[in-house]
Amino acid sequence: MNKDPFKEYIKESEPDKRDKGYAWHTAIGLQAVDGLKTSEYLVQTAERAGNRGT
């Protein structure tokens, strides 16, 4: 039987708080690059997501 080369990716666990924070920061930064203003809703959602822990 062939070994699945993506099996390890499937096993990947939920990102930790640091990784989630980096993802939110990146998303907000990409909006700024496009000349978009970050909405208060997005900031509040990011803050709530960060407070949930890992």
C-alpha atoms as a PDB file:
ATOM      1  CA  MET A   1       0.000   0.000   0.000  1.00  0.00           C
ATOM      2  CA  ASN A   2       1.279   3.507  -0.799  1.00  0.00           C
ATOM      3  CA  LYS A   3       2.195   5.776   2.077  1.00  0.00           C
ATOM      4  CA  ASP A   4       0.131   8.979   2.181  1.00  0.00           C
ATOM      5  CA  PRO A   5       2.598  11.907   1.936  1.00  0.00           C
ATOM      6  CA  PHE A   6       0.034  14.275   3.469  1.00  0.00           C
ATOM      7  CA  LYS A   7      -0.771  12.177   6.516  1.00  0.00           C
ATOM      8  CA  GLU A   8       1.395  14.344   8.791  1.00  0.00           C
ATOM      9  CA  TYR A   9      -0.433  17.491   7.663  1.00  0.00           C
ATOM     10  CA  ILE A  10      -3.764  15.945   8.564  1.00  0.00           C
ATOM     11  CA  LYS A  11      -2.470  15.229  12.078  1.00  0.00           C
ATOM     12  CA  GLU A  12      -1.526  18.879  12.608  1.00  0.00           C
ATOM     13  CA  SER A  13      -3.142  20.230  15.742  1.00  0.00           C
ATOM     14  CA  GLU A  14      -4.893  23.523  16.366  1.00  0.00           C
ATOM     15  CA  PRO A  15      -2.477  26.481  16.147  1.00  0.00           C
ATOM     16  CA  ASP A  16      -1.330  27.918  19.453  1.00  0.00           C
ATOM     17  CA  LYS A  17      -2.150  31.413  20.668  1.00  0.00           C
ATOM     18  CA  ARG A  18       1.058  32.856  19.221  1.00  0.00           C
ATOM     19  CA  ASP A  19       0.328  31.453  15.761  1.00  0.00           C
ATOM     20  CA  LYS A  20      -3.248  32.733  15.849  1.00  0.00           C
ATOM     21  CA  GLY A  21      -2.023  36.186  16.841  1.00  0.00           C
ATOM     22  CA  TYR A  22       0.430  36.166  13.955  1.00  0.00           C
ATOM     23  CA  ALA A  23      -2.350  35.200  11.537  1.00  0.00           C
ATOM     24  CA  TRP A  24      -4.618  38.024  12.754  1.00  0.00           C
ATOM     25  CA  HIS A  25      -1.738  40.512  12.576  1.00  0.00           C
ATOM     26  CA  THR A  26      -0.957  39.393   9.031  1.00  0.00           C
ATOM     27  CA  ALA A  27      -4.600  39.704   7.951  1.00  0.00           C
ATOM     28  CA  ILE A  28      -4.853  43.222   9.354  1.00  0.00           C
ATOM     29  CA  GLY A  29      -1.529  44.158   7.752  1.00  0.00           C
ATOM     30  CA  LEU A  30      -2.685  42.905   4.365  1.00  0.00           C
ATOM     31  CA  GLN A  31      -5.742  45.117   4.607  1.00  0.00           C
ATOM     32  CA  ALA A  32      -3.471  48.103   5.233  1.00  0.00           C
ATOM     33  CA  VAL A  33      -1.350  47.193   2.197  1.00  0.00           C
ATOM     34  CA  ASP A  34      -4.515  47.319   0.093  1.00  0.00           C
ATOM     35  CA  GLY A  35      -5.328  50.745   1.528  1.00  0.00           C
ATOM     36  CA  LEU A  36      -8.232  49.429   3.582  1.00  0.00           C
ATOM     37  CA  LYS A  37      -9.085  50.613   7.069  1.00  0.00           C
ATOM     38  CA  THR A  38      -9.502  47.826   9.592  1.00  0.00           C
ATOM     39  CA  SER A  39     -13.064  47.736  10.903  1.00  0.00           C
ATOM     40  CA  GLU A  40     -13.801  47.849  14.602  1.00  0.00           C
ATOM     41  CA  TYR A  41     -15.664  44.551  14.158  1.00  0.00           C
ATOM     42  CA  LEU A  42     -12.541  42.815  12.872  1.00  0.00           C
ATOM     43  CA  VAL A  43     -10.427  44.182  15.732  1.00  0.00           C
ATOM     44  CA  GLN A  44     -13.006  43.031  18.297  1.00  0.00           C
ATOM     45  CA  THR A  45     -13.235  39.591  16.674  1.00  0.00           C
ATOM     46  CA  ALA A  46      -9.434  39.241  16.723  1.00  0.00           C
ATOM     47  CA  GLU A  47      -9.333  40.264  20.388  1.00  0.00           C
ATOM     48  CA  ARG A  48     -12.046  37.734  21.306  1.00  0.00           C
ATOM     49  CA  ALA A  49     -10.260  35.009  19.380  1.00  0.00           C
ATOM     50  CA  GLY A  50      -7.035  35.820  21.223  1.00  0.00           C
ATOM     51  CA  ASN A  51      -8.728  35.662  24.597  1.00  0.00           C
ATOM     52  CA  ARG A  52     -10.012  32.123  23.979  1.00  0.00           C
ATOM     53  CA  GLY A  53      -6.531  30.729  24.439  1.00  0.00           C
ATOM     54  CA  THR A  54      -5.318  27.694  22.583  1.00  0.00           C
END
